[in-house]
C-alpha atoms as a PDB file:
ATOM      1  CA  UNK A   1      16.592 -72.706-142.560  1.00  0.00           C
ATOM      2  CA  UNK A   2      18.029 -75.841-141.022  1.00  0.00           C
ATOM      3  CA  UNK A   3      16.722 -76.646-137.552  1.00  0.00           C
ATOM      4  CA  UNK A   4      18.624 -78.101-134.633  1.00  0.00           C
ATOM      5  CA  UNK A   5      17.489 -79.010-131.122  1.00  0.00           C
ATOM      6  CA  UNK A   6      19.943 -77.902-128.424  1.00  0.00           C
ATOM      7  CA  UNK A   7      19.896 -78.182-124.638  1.00  0.00           C
ATOM      8  CA  UNK A   8      19.036 -74.877-122.871  1.00  0.00           C
ATOM      9  CA  UNK A   9      22.506 -74.834-121.304  1.00  0.00           C
ATOM     10  CA  UNK A  10      23.936 -74.308-124.733  1.00  0.00           C
ATOM     11  CA  UNK A  11      22.110 -71.047-125.081  1.00  0.00           C
ATOM     12  CA  UNK A  12      23.610 -68.190-123.073  1.00  0.00           C
ATOM     13  CA  UNK A  13      24.851 -64.617-123.434  1.00  0.00           C
ATOM     14  CA  UNK A  14      23.060 -64.171-126.682  1.00  0.00           C
ATOM     15  CA  UNK A  15      24.735 -67.093-128.333  1.00  0.00           C
ATOM     16  CA  UNK A  16      24.130 -70.732-129.221  1.00  0.00           C
ATOM     17  CA  UNK A  17      26.849 -73.374-128.981  1.00  0.00           C
ATOM     18  CA  UNK A  18      26.125 -76.480-131.011  1.00  0.00           C
ATOM     19  CA  UNK A  19      27.177 -80.065-130.107  1.00  0.00           C
ATOM     20  CA  UNK A  20      30.218 -81.685-131.789  1.00  0.00           C
ATOM     21  CA  UNK A  21      27.845 -83.875-133.820  1.00  0.00           C
ATOM     22  CA  UNK A  22      25.918 -80.830-134.943  1.00  0.00           C
ATOM     23  CA  UNK A  23      29.107 -79.008-135.796  1.00  0.00           C
ATOM     24  CA  UNK A  24      30.103 -81.838-138.077  1.00  0.00           C
ATOM     25  CA  UNK A  25      26.713 -81.780-139.844  1.00  0.00           C
ATOM     26  CA  UNK A  26      26.657 -77.932-140.088  1.00  0.00           C
ATOM     27  CA  UNK A  27      30.294 -77.632-141.407  1.00  0.00           C
ATOM     28  CA  UNK A  28      31.018 -80.875-143.167  1.00  0.00           C
ATOM     29  CA  UNK A  29      27.623 -82.250-144.311  1.00  0.00           C
ATOM     30  CA  UNK A  30      25.591 -79.093-145.022  1.00  0.00           C
ATOM     31  CA  UNK A  31      28.674 -77.036-145.761  1.00  0.00           C
ATOM     32  CA  UNK A  32      27.205 -73.939-144.106  1.00  0.00           C
ATOM     33  CA  UNK A  33      29.522 -70.963-143.701  1.00  0.00           C
ATOM     34  CA  UNK A  34      29.738 -67.969-141.340  1.00  0.00           C
ATOM     35  CA  UNK A  35      26.858 -65.698-142.128  1.00  0.00           C
ATOM     36  CA  UNK A  36      24.416 -68.438-142.904  1.00  0.00           C
ATOM     37  CA  UNK A  37      21.351 -68.626-140.644  1.00  0.00           C
ATOM     38  CA  UNK A  38      19.873 -71.661-138.772  1.00  0.00           C
ATOM     39  CA  UNK A  39      17.142 -72.186-136.180  1.00  0.00           C
ATOM     40  CA  UNK A  40      18.069 -73.469-132.750  1.00  0.00           C
ATOM     41  CA  UNK A  41      15.217 -75.032-130.646  1.00  0.00           C
ATOM     42  CA  UNK A  42      15.469 -75.259-126.831  1.00  0.00           C
ATOM     43  CA  UNK A  43      12.899 -78.061-126.603  1.00  0.00           C
ATOM     44  CA  UNK A  44      10.975 -75.872-124.174  1.00  0.00           C
ATOM     45  CA  UNK A  45       8.784 -74.105-126.652  1.00  0.00           C
ATOM     46  CA  UNK A  46      11.150 -71.412-128.010  1.00  0.00           C
ATOM     47  CA  UNK A  47      13.133 -71.151-131.157  1.00  0.00           C
ATOM     48  CA  UNK A  48      16.177 -68.856-131.937  1.00  0.00           C
ATOM     49  CA  UNK A  49      17.262 -67.569-135.256  1.00  0.00           C
ATOM     50  CA  UNK A  50      21.019 -67.782-135.221  1.00  0.00           C
ATOM     51  CA  UNK A  51      23.673 -66.178-137.536  1.00  0.00           C
ATOM     52  CA  UNK A  52      26.638 -68.631-137.638  1.00  0.00           C
ATOM     53  CA  UNK A  53      29.888 -66.835-136.807  1.00  0.00           C
ATOM     54  CA  UNK A  54      32.419 -69.564-135.907  1.00  0.00           C
ATOM     55  CA  UNK A  55      32.634 -72.831-137.800  1.00  0.00           C
ATOM     56  CA  UNK A  56      35.691 -75.030-137.099  1.00  0.00           C
ATOM     57  CA  UNK A  57      36.266 -78.768-137.099  1.00  0.00           C
ATOM     58  CA  UNK A  58      34.455 -79.683-133.848  1.00  0.00           C
ATOM     59  CA  UNK A  59      32.901 -76.376-132.769  1.00  0.00           C
ATOM     60  CA  UNK A  60      30.168 -74.172-134.169  1.00  0.00           C
ATOM     61  CA  UNK A  61      28.508 -71.285-132.518  1.00  0.00           C
ATOM     62  CA  UNK A  62      26.552 -68.204-133.546  1.00  0.00           C
ATOM     63  CA  UNK A  63      24.797 -65.030-132.564  1.00  0.00           C
ATOM     64  CA  UNK A  64      21.054 -65.030-131.743  1.00  0.00           C
ATOM     65  CA  UNK A  65      19.257 -62.404-133.798  1.00  0.00           C
ATOM     66  CA  UNK A  66      15.609 -63.377-132.991  1.00  0.00           C
ATOM     67  CA  UNK A  67      13.743 -65.322-130.413  1.00  0.00           C
ATOM     68  CA  UNK A  68      10.063 -66.517-130.869  1.00  0.00           C
ATOM     69  CA  UNK A  69       7.644 -69.145-129.783  1.00  0.00           C
ATOM     70  CA  UNK A  70       8.144 -72.367-131.642  1.00  0.00           C
ATOM     71  CA  UNK A  71       5.089 -73.590-133.630  1.00  0.00           C
ATOM     72  CA  UNK A  72       4.203 -77.056-134.911  1.00  0.00           C
ATOM     73  CA  UNK A  73       2.816 -78.619-131.705  1.00  0.00           C
ATOM     74  CA  UNK A  74      -0.757 -79.928-131.515  1.00  0.00           C
ATOM     75  CA  UNK A  75      -3.054 -78.355-128.936  1.00  0.00           C
ATOM     76  CA  UNK A  76      -3.824 -81.844-127.657  1.00  0.00           C
ATOM     77  CA  UNK A  77      -1.087 -84.097-126.260  1.00  0.00           C
ATOM     78  CA  UNK A  78      -1.091 -87.498-128.099  1.00  0.00           C
ATOM     79  CA  UNK A  79       0.448 -90.562-126.541  1.00  0.00           C
ATOM     80  CA  UNK A  80       0.957 -93.502-128.810  1.00  0.00           C
ATOM     81  CA  UNK A  81       1.105 -96.866-127.068  1.00  0.00           C
ATOM     82  CA  UNK A  82       2.703 -98.993-129.749  1.00  0.00           C
ATOM     83  CA  UNK A  83       3.228-102.692-129.377  1.00  0.00           C
ATOM     84  CA  UNK A  84       6.843-103.332-130.146  1.00  0.00           C
ATOM     85  CA  UNK A  85       7.388-104.425-133.804  1.00  0.00           C
ATOM     86  CA  UNK A  86      10.011-106.472-135.581  1.00  0.00           C
ATOM     87  CA  UNK A  87      12.826-104.949-137.599  1.00  0.00           C
ATOM     88  CA  UNK A  88      12.597-101.331-138.619  1.00  0.00           C
ATOM     89  CA  UNK A  89       8.781-101.151-138.364  1.00  0.00           C
ATOM     90  CA  UNK A  90       8.811 -99.626-134.874  1.00  0.00           C
ATOM     91  CA  UNK A  91      11.333 -97.043-136.161  1.00  0.00           C
ATOM     92  CA  UNK A  92       8.964 -96.142-139.016  1.00  0.00           C
ATOM     93  CA  UNK A  93       6.183 -95.559-136.424  1.00  0.00           C
ATOM     94  CA  UNK A  94       8.540 -93.313-134.461  1.00  0.00           C
ATOM     95  CA  UNK A  95       9.424 -91.289-137.468  1.00  0.00           C
ATOM     96  CA  UNK A  96       5.986 -90.835-138.967  1.00  0.00           C
ATOM     97  CA  UNK A  97       4.333 -90.436-135.613  1.00  0.00           C
ATOM     98  CA  UNK A  98       6.755 -87.623-134.774  1.00  0.00           C
ATOM     99  CA  UNK A  99       5.962 -85.950-138.139  1.00  0.00           C
ATOM    100  CA  UNK A 100       2.233 -86.161-137.352  1.00  0.00           C
ATOM    101  CA  UNK A 101       2.446 -84.760-133.928  1.00  0.00           C
ATOM    102  CA  UNK A 102       2.642 -87.560-131.400  1.00  0.00           C
ATOM    103  CA  UNK A 103       3.998 -86.178-128.050  1.00  0.00           C
ATOM    104  CA  UNK A 104       4.886 -89.408-126.255  1.00  0.00           C
ATOM    105  CA  UNK A 105       5.746 -92.871-127.538  1.00  0.00           C
ATOM    106  CA  UNK A 106       5.351 -95.800-125.129  1.00  0.00           C
ATOM    107  CA  UNK A 107       6.547 -99.225-126.429  1.00  0.00           C
ATOM    108  CA  UNK A 108       4.269-101.924-125.218  1.00  0.00           C
ATOM    109  CA  UNK A 109       4.721-105.605-124.682  1.00  0.00           C
ATOM    110  CA  UNK A 110       1.390-107.505-125.407  1.00  0.00           C
ATOM    111  CA  UNK A 111       0.347-111.188-125.546  1.00  0.00           C
ATOM    112  CA  UNK A 112       1.265-111.453-129.222  1.00  0.00           C
ATOM    113  CA  UNK A 113       4.384-109.273-129.243  1.00  0.00           C
ATOM    114  CA  UNK A 114       7.127-111.022-131.134  1.00  0.00           C
ATOM    115  CA  UNK A 115       9.963-108.766-129.925  1.00  0.00           C
ATOM    116  CA  UNK A 116      11.550-109.956-126.727  1.00  0.00           C
ATOM    117  CA  UNK A 117      10.690-108.481-123.289  1.00  0.00           C
ATOM    118  CA  UNK A 118      10.777-105.306-121.265  1.00  0.00           C
ATOM    119  CA  UNK A 119      14.514-105.611-121.119  1.00  0.00           C
ATOM    120  CA  UNK A 120      14.945-106.197-124.856  1.00  0.00           C
ATOM    121  CA  UNK A 121      15.896-102.579-125.720  1.00  0.00           C
ATOM    122  CA  UNK A 122      19.610-102.224-125.947  1.00  0.00           C
ATOM    123  CA  UNK A 123      21.473 -98.918-125.286  1.00  0.00           C
ATOM    124  CA  UNK A 124      22.309 -98.663-128.942  1.00  0.00           C
ATOM    125  CA  UNK A 125      18.735 -99.156-130.027  1.00  0.00           C
ATOM    126  CA  UNK A 126      17.530 -96.585-127.499  1.00  0.00           C
ATOM    127  CA  UNK A 127      20.037 -94.054-128.849  1.00  0.00           C
ATOM    128  CA  UNK A 128      18.847 -94.703-132.355  1.00  0.00           C
ATOM    129  CA  UNK A 129      15.212 -94.193-131.364  1.00  0.00           C
ATOM    130  CA  UNK A 130      16.162 -90.830-129.826  1.00  0.00           C
ATOM    131  CA  UNK A 131      18.012 -89.848-133.028  1.00  0.00           C
ATOM    132  CA  UNK A 132      15.053 -90.811-135.128  1.00  0.00           C
ATOM    133  CA  UNK A 133      12.543 -88.677-133.280  1.00  0.00           C
ATOM    134  CA  UNK A 134      14.938 -85.754-133.044  1.00  0.00           C
ATOM    135  CA  UNK A 135      15.625 -85.641-136.760  1.00  0.00           C
ATOM    136  CA  UNK A 136      11.977 -86.200-137.557  1.00  0.00           C
ATOM    137  CA  UNK A 137      10.971 -83.317-135.211  1.00  0.00           C
ATOM    138  CA  UNK A 138      13.552 -81.062-136.863  1.00  0.00           C
ATOM    139  CA  UNK A 139      12.450 -81.919-140.372  1.00  0.00           C
ATOM    140  CA  UNK A 140       8.740 -81.510-139.638  1.00  0.00           C
ATOM    141  CA  UNK A 141       9.266 -78.151-137.896  1.00  0.00           C
ATOM    142  CA  UNK A 142       8.071 -79.360-134.529  1.00  0.00           C
ATOM    143  CA  UNK A 143       8.715 -77.055-131.482  1.00  0.00           C
ATOM    144  CA  UNK A 144       9.499 -80.054-129.148  1.00  0.00           C
ATOM    145  CA  UNK A 145      10.913 -83.491-129.506  1.00  0.00           C
ATOM    146  CA  UNK A 146       8.593 -86.356-128.486  1.00  0.00           C
ATOM    147  CA  UNK A 147       9.486 -88.422-125.479  1.00  0.00           C
ATOM    148  CA  UNK A 148      10.198 -92.125-125.974  1.00  0.00           C
ATOM    149  CA  UNK A 149       9.489 -93.858-122.699  1.00  0.00           C
ATOM    150  CA  UNK A 150      10.634 -97.270-121.343  1.00  0.00           C
ATOM    151  CA  UNK A 151       8.656-100.319-122.539  1.00  0.00           C
ATOM    152  CA  UNK A 152       5.583-101.321-120.491  1.00  0.00           C
ATOM    153  CA  UNK A 153       3.468-104.458-120.088  1.00  0.00           C
ATOM    154  CA  UNK A 154       0.037-103.891-121.679  1.00  0.00           C
ATOM    155  CA  UNK A 155      -1.835-103.659-118.351  1.00  0.00           C
ATOM    156  CA  UNK A 156       0.728-101.162-117.110  1.00  0.00           C
ATOM    157  CA  UNK A 157       0.166 -99.104-120.244  1.00  0.00           C
ATOM    158  CA  UNK A 158      -3.500 -98.991-119.437  1.00  0.00           C
ATOM    159  CA  UNK A 159      -2.730 -97.853-115.897  1.00  0.00           C
ATOM    160  CA  UNK A 160      -0.424 -95.158-117.211  1.00  0.00           C
ATOM    161  CA  UNK A 161      -3.061 -93.780-119.557  1.00  0.00           C
ATOM    162  CA  UNK A 162      -5.567 -93.643-116.663  1.00  0.00           C
ATOM    163  CA  UNK A 163      -3.067 -91.833-114.344  1.00  0.00           C
ATOM    164  CA  UNK A 164      -2.310 -89.327-117.109  1.00  0.00           C
ATOM    165  CA  UNK A 165      -5.994 -88.573-117.551  1.00  0.00           C
ATOM    166  CA  UNK A 166      -5.984 -89.613-121.221  1.00  0.00           C
ATOM    167  CA  UNK A 167      -8.986 -90.550-123.299  1.00  0.00           C
ATOM    168  CA  UNK A 168      -7.889 -93.898-124.694  1.00  0.00           C
ATOM    169  CA  UNK A 169      -8.743 -95.398-128.104  1.00  0.00           C
ATOM    170  CA  UNK A 170      -7.796 -98.801-129.383  1.00  0.00           C
ATOM    171  CA  UNK A 171      -8.010 -99.759-133.074  1.00  0.00           C
ATOM    172  CA  UNK A 172      -9.748-103.106-133.328  1.00  0.00           C
ATOM    173  CA  UNK A 173     -10.990-105.244-136.221  1.00  0.00           C
ATOM    174  CA  UNK A 174     -13.293-107.369-134.098  1.00  0.00           C
ATOM    175  CA  UNK A 175     -16.923-106.809-133.065  1.00  0.00           C
ATOM    176  CA  UNK A 176     -17.999-103.838-131.017  1.00  0.00           C
ATOM    177  CA  UNK A 177     -15.616-101.395-132.624  1.00  0.00           C
ATOM    178  CA  UNK A 178     -17.138 -98.017-133.216  1.00  0.00           C
ATOM    179  CA  UNK A 179     -16.382 -96.060-136.463  1.00  0.00           C
ATOM    180  CA  UNK A 180     -13.437 -93.700-135.735  1.00  0.00           C
ATOM    181  CA  UNK A 181     -15.300 -90.615-136.666  1.00  0.00           C
ATOM    182  CA  UNK A 182     -18.259 -91.410-134.471  1.00  0.00           C
ATOM    183  CA  UNK A 183     -16.072 -92.275-131.483  1.00  0.00           C
ATOM    184  CA  UNK A 184     -13.939 -89.197-131.877  1.00  0.00           C
ATOM    185  CA  UNK A 185     -16.892 -86.924-132.158  1.00  0.00           C
ATOM    186  CA  UNK A 186     -17.631 -87.707-128.435  1.00  0.00           C
ATOM    187  CA  UNK A 187     -14.372 -86.006-127.385  1.00  0.00           C
ATOM    188  CA  UNK A 188     -14.890 -82.819-125.313  1.00  0.00           C
ATOM    189  CA  UNK A 189     -13.718 -79.546-126.904  1.00  0.00           C
ATOM    190  CA  UNK A 190     -11.335 -78.985-123.946  1.00  0.00           C
ATOM    191  CA  UNK A 191      -9.712 -82.434-124.083  1.00  0.00           C
ATOM    192  CA  UNK A 192      -6.038 -82.070-123.201  1.00  0.00           C
ATOM    193  CA  UNK A 193      -4.676 -85.557-123.661  1.00  0.00           C
ATOM    194  CA  UNK A 194      -5.537 -88.659-125.664  1.00  0.00           C
ATOM    195  CA  UNK A 195      -3.903 -92.037-126.081  1.00  0.00           C
ATOM    196  CA  UNK A 196      -3.987 -94.532-128.879  1.00  0.00           C
ATOM    197  CA  UNK A 197      -3.145 -98.236-128.245  1.00  0.00           C
ATOM    198  CA  UNK A 198      -1.970-100.050-131.355  1.00  0.00           C
ATOM    199  CA  UNK A 199      -1.293-103.855-131.405  1.00  0.00           C
ATOM    200  CA  UNK A 200       1.592-105.972-132.759  1.00  0.00           C
ATOM    201  CA  UNK A 201       1.800-107.851-136.038  1.00  0.00           C
ATOM    202  CA  UNK A 202      -0.774-110.333-134.897  1.00  0.00           C
ATOM    203  CA  UNK A 203      -3.093-107.720-133.370  1.00  0.00           C
ATOM    204  CA  UNK A 204      -4.338-107.552-129.793  1.00  0.00           C
ATOM    205  CA  UNK A 205      -5.759-110.665-128.173  1.00  0.00           C
ATOM    206  CA  UNK A 206      -9.503-110.374-127.557  1.00  0.00           C
ATOM    207  CA  UNK A 207      -9.042-110.471-123.806  1.00  0.00           C
ATOM    208  CA  UNK A 208      -6.617-107.507-124.033  1.00  0.00           C
ATOM    209  CA  UNK A 209      -9.350-105.499-125.854  1.00  0.00           C
ATOM    210  CA  UNK A 210     -11.791-106.339-123.138  1.00  0.00           C
ATOM    211  CA  UNK A 211      -9.397-105.256-120.412  1.00  0.00           C
ATOM    212  CA  UNK A 212      -8.803-102.043-122.325  1.00  0.00           C
ATOM    213  CA  UNK A 213     -12.579-101.437-122.674  1.00  0.00           C
ATOM    214  CA  UNK A 214     -12.959-102.083-118.879  1.00  0.00           C
ATOM    215  CA  UNK A 215     -10.263 -99.485-118.254  1.00  0.00           C
ATOM    216  CA  UNK A 216     -12.244 -96.948-120.357  1.00  0.00           C
ATOM    217  CA  UNK A 217     -10.586 -97.337-123.762  1.00  0.00           C
ATOM    218  CA  UNK A 218     -12.941 -97.058-126.738  1.00  0.00           C
ATOM    219  CA  UNK A 219     -12.388 -99.749-129.504  1.00  0.00           C
ATOM    220  CA  UNK A 220     -12.497 -97.974-132.949  1.00  0.00           C
ATOM    221  CA  UNK A 221     -12.556 -99.248-136.493  1.00  0.00           C
ATOM    222  CA  UNK A 222     -10.243 -97.794-139.038  1.00  0.00           C
ATOM    223  CA  UNK A 223     -12.262 -99.077-142.057  1.00  0.00           C
ATOM    224  CA  UNK A 224     -13.051-102.406-143.732  1.00  0.00           C
ATOM    225  CA  UNK A 225      -9.429-103.217-144.644  1.00  0.00           C
ATOM    226  CA  UNK A 226      -6.994-104.931-142.342  1.00  0.00           C
ATOM    227  CA  UNK A 227      -3.972-102.704-141.860  1.00  0.00           C
ATOM    228  CA  UNK A 228      -0.446-103.645-140.910  1.00  0.00           C
ATOM    229  CA  UNK A 229       0.474-102.649-137.420  1.00  0.00           C
ATOM    230  CA  UNK A 230       2.736 -99.736-138.468  1.00  0.00           C
ATOM    231  CA  UNK A 231       0.120 -98.518-140.929  1.00  0.00           C
ATOM    232  CA  UNK A 232      -2.643 -98.682-138.322  1.00  0.00           C
ATOM    233  CA  UNK A 233      -0.607 -96.555-135.974  1.00  0.00           C
ATOM    234  CA  UNK A 234       0.021 -93.860-138.569  1.00  0.00           C
ATOM    235  CA  UNK A 235      -3.614 -93.885-139.772  1.00  0.00           C
ATOM    236  CA  UNK A 236      -4.994 -93.764-136.211  1.00  0.00           C
ATOM    237  CA  UNK A 237      -2.897 -90.756-135.254  1.00  0.00           C
ATOM    238  CA  UNK A 238      -3.673 -88.952-138.433  1.00  0.00           C
ATOM    239  CA  UNK A 239      -7.421 -89.499-138.121  1.00  0.00           C
ATOM    240  CA  UNK A 240      -7.408 -88.473-134.510  1.00  0.00           C
ATOM    241  CA  UNK A 241      -5.598 -85.252-135.161  1.00  0.00           C
ATOM    242  CA  UNK A 242      -7.785 -84.476-138.145  1.00  0.00           C
ATOM    243  CA  UNK A 243     -10.932 -84.834-136.087  1.00  0.00           C
ATOM    244  CA  UNK A 244      -9.304 -82.594-133.465  1.00  0.00           C
ATOM    245  CA  UNK A 245      -8.867 -79.908-136.070  1.00  0.00           C
ATOM    246  CA  UNK A 246      -5.043 -80.178-136.189  1.00  0.00           C
ATOM    247  CA  UNK A 247      -4.953 -80.223-139.995  1.00  0.00           C
ATOM    248  CA  UNK A 248      -6.318 -76.707-140.143  1.00  0.00           C
ATOM    249  CA  UNK A 249      -3.855 -73.987-141.047  1.00  0.00           C
ATOM    250  CA  UNK A 250      -2.844 -71.786-138.178  1.00  0.00           C
ATOM    251  CA  UNK A 251      -1.092 -68.463-138.264  1.00  0.00           C
ATOM    252  CA  UNK A 252       2.529 -68.360-137.148  1.00  0.00           C
END
């Protein structure tokens, strides 16, 4: 069944009322008809099986026939601190990171970041980022949409991770990086939140890695090959969630 995130205020009196944009997708793009079933997600941990009853040009609503907990969320909250990248590369990280299970994305401005400044994210770009994570979360059967926060300077990102109580890891190709499996094996079984800091196209400056290390971040190696920034982000998150047991099948 097709899945759609809706705000909780669109769920009431046993019915779900979809947005105008979703109505267009349901009626014109997917060509669903009354009687078809879809899943509505309230972004608060619940999903609703809905029988569509009214499909008109700008309005679609339906009757809720089942309510159950939404699955697809990792047990550990993962924050990806991704240095801003050129072109569509950052969008690729948003899409694939969402599919893997990232809970929060924090764009970061580093010493070698090519993309502008903290104010370099236009309203249009921000809306596009929100659309990307929403569609990726729907496609990958997530129960919640990831949050995309405002860009931070590198040192402020480190402070955010400390305040959030996250165990931080920073992929690094230089000396002193611990093999990822060895580093992740040190995580406590009850760890609740982890963060991954991934650099820009030119990588982190050595002094940034040292500042991260001083803040408690663990430099890790992702292997002998040098990865592109967007690849490193995807690999780091995948390895992290694998070591946390998130690739094991769970009953739903």
